[in-house]
Amino acid sequence: MPYPIRRPATFRKTPRRARFTQPAATAPLPGAVINAILRFHDIEEDVGGGRTLMRLSKARIDEAEVSAELGEGAARAEGVGILWNEREGEIVRVLEGASLRLAA
């Protein structure tokens, strides 16, 4: 009769399931914010390849016409940028927060 295999006390036959925490979900960006950036942007940065990063400055957001267009999205608008393709005339990507800093 074979002897049973001795395992250390820390070894388990079944692995523990990893506990992943979900990142805090943010609400989708309102379309009014994207529209306002396209219409009223005052900061343009050429990122190469025929692409431009469009943003709104804090001073521009505080203007009456722009803040009326933004509505409740005014608080988030300062941290949003739109990567625009000049050749195709279309939005490549909408960047918000940390991804915006990486693109610039």
Protein backbone atom coordinates (compact mmCIF):
# COMPACT_ATOMS: atom_id res chain seq x y z
CA MET A 1 0.00 0.00 0.00
CA PRO A 2 1.56 3.33 -1.05
CA TYR A 3 1.95 6.07 1.47
CA PRO A 4 -0.19 9.19 1.00
CA ILE A 5 1.59 12.22 -0.42
CA ARG A 6 2.32 14.76 2.24
CA ARG A 7 1.68 18.29 1.15
CA PRO A 8 2.64 21.44 3.00
CA ALA A 9 -0.17 23.08 4.93
CA THR A 10 -0.16 26.06 2.55
CA PHE A 11 -0.79 23.92 -0.54
CA ARG A 12 -4.40 23.60 -1.61
CA LYS A 13 -5.86 21.11 -4.03
CA THR A 14 -8.11 23.74 -5.60
CA PRO A 15 -6.71 27.19 -6.31
CA ARG A 16 -8.34 30.18 -4.77
CA ARG A 17 -10.34 32.36 -7.06
CA ALA A 18 -8.78 35.72 -7.67
CA ARG A 19 -10.75 38.60 -6.28
CA PHE A 20 -10.79 41.42 -8.76
CA THR A 21 -12.23 44.75 -7.87
CA GLN A 22 -14.16 46.52 -10.57
CA PRO A 23 -13.04 50.08 -11.28
CA ALA A 24 -15.53 52.75 -10.39
CA ALA A 25 -17.82 53.20 -13.36
CA THR A 26 -18.21 56.75 -14.60
CA ALA A 27 -21.21 57.96 -16.47
CA PRO A 28 -20.80 58.18 -20.25
CA LEU A 29 -19.70 61.54 -21.56
CA PRO A 30 -22.70 63.62 -22.64
CA GLY A 31 -22.94 64.39 -26.34
CA ALA A 32 -23.29 68.08 -25.50
CA VAL A 33 -19.69 68.09 -24.23
CA ILE A 34 -18.35 66.60 -27.46
CA ASN A 35 -20.43 68.98 -29.56
CA ALA A 36 -19.25 71.99 -27.53
CA ILE A 37 -15.59 71.00 -27.89
CA LEU A 38 -15.97 70.66 -31.65
CA ARG A 39 -17.72 74.04 -31.94
CA PHE A 40 -15.89 76.17 -29.38
CA HIS A 41 -12.40 74.65 -28.93
CA ASP A 42 -9.65 77.18 -28.39
CA ILE A 43 -6.69 74.84 -27.89
CA GLU A 44 -5.37 72.85 -30.85
CA GLU A 45 -2.28 70.64 -30.64
CA ASP A 46 -0.88 68.98 -33.75
CA VAL A 47 -0.06 65.39 -32.80
CA GLY A 48 1.18 64.36 -36.25
CA GLY A 49 -0.23 62.15 -38.97
CA GLY A 50 -2.81 64.77 -39.91
CA ARG A 51 -4.38 64.59 -36.45
CA THR A 52 -5.18 67.42 -34.07
CA LEU A 53 -6.06 67.32 -30.37
CA MET A 54 -8.89 69.80 -29.63
CA ARG A 55 -9.64 71.02 -26.11
CA LEU A 56 -11.41 73.78 -24.22
CA SER A 57 -9.51 76.03 -21.82
CA LYS A 58 -10.92 76.94 -18.41
CA ALA A 59 -11.46 80.54 -19.53
CA ARG A 60 -13.41 79.39 -22.60
CA ILE A 61 -15.59 77.06 -20.50
CA ASP A 62 -16.48 79.99 -18.22
CA GLU A 63 -17.87 82.03 -21.14
CA ALA A 64 -21.68 82.29 -21.08
CA GLU A 65 -22.32 80.82 -24.54
CA VAL A 66 -20.05 77.81 -23.98
CA SER A 67 -21.25 77.06 -20.43
CA ALA A 68 -24.88 77.22 -21.63
CA GLU A 69 -24.06 74.68 -24.35
CA LEU A 70 -22.23 72.38 -21.91
CA GLY A 71 -24.93 72.38 -19.24
CA GLU A 72 -24.13 69.87 -16.50
CA GLY A 73 -21.12 68.57 -18.43
CA ALA A 74 -19.13 71.77 -17.79
CA ALA A 75 -17.32 70.19 -14.84
CA ARG A 76 -15.99 67.33 -16.99
CA ALA A 77 -15.31 69.37 -20.13
CA GLU A 78 -11.95 70.72 -18.97
CA GLY A 79 -10.47 67.20 -18.84
CA VAL A 80 -11.77 66.10 -22.25
CA GLY A 81 -9.99 66.24 -25.59
CA ILE A 82 -11.00 65.15 -29.06
CA LEU A 83 -8.48 63.65 -31.43
CA TRP A 84 -9.57 64.90 -34.86
CA ASN A 85 -8.41 63.54 -38.23
CA GLU A 86 -8.02 66.49 -40.60
CA ARG A 87 -7.80 64.38 -43.78
CA GLU A 88 -10.94 62.37 -43.13
CA GLY A 89 -12.81 65.09 -41.25
CA GLU A 90 -13.84 62.76 -38.42
CA ILE A 91 -13.29 62.05 -34.75
CA VAL A 92 -10.58 59.46 -34.13
CA ARG A 93 -10.97 59.20 -30.36
CA VAL A 94 -12.44 61.05 -27.40
CA LEU A 95 -9.95 61.22 -24.54
CA GLU A 96 -10.74 61.98 -20.93
CA GLY A 97 -8.58 62.37 -17.83
CA ALA A 98 -5.37 60.32 -17.72
CA SER A 99 -5.56 59.24 -21.36
CA LEU A 100 -5.64 62.91 -22.36
CA ARG A 101 -2.35 63.56 -20.55
CA LEU A 102 -0.73 60.59 -22.30
CA ALA A 103 -1.79 61.83 -25.73
CA ALA A 104 -0.36 65.32 -25.22
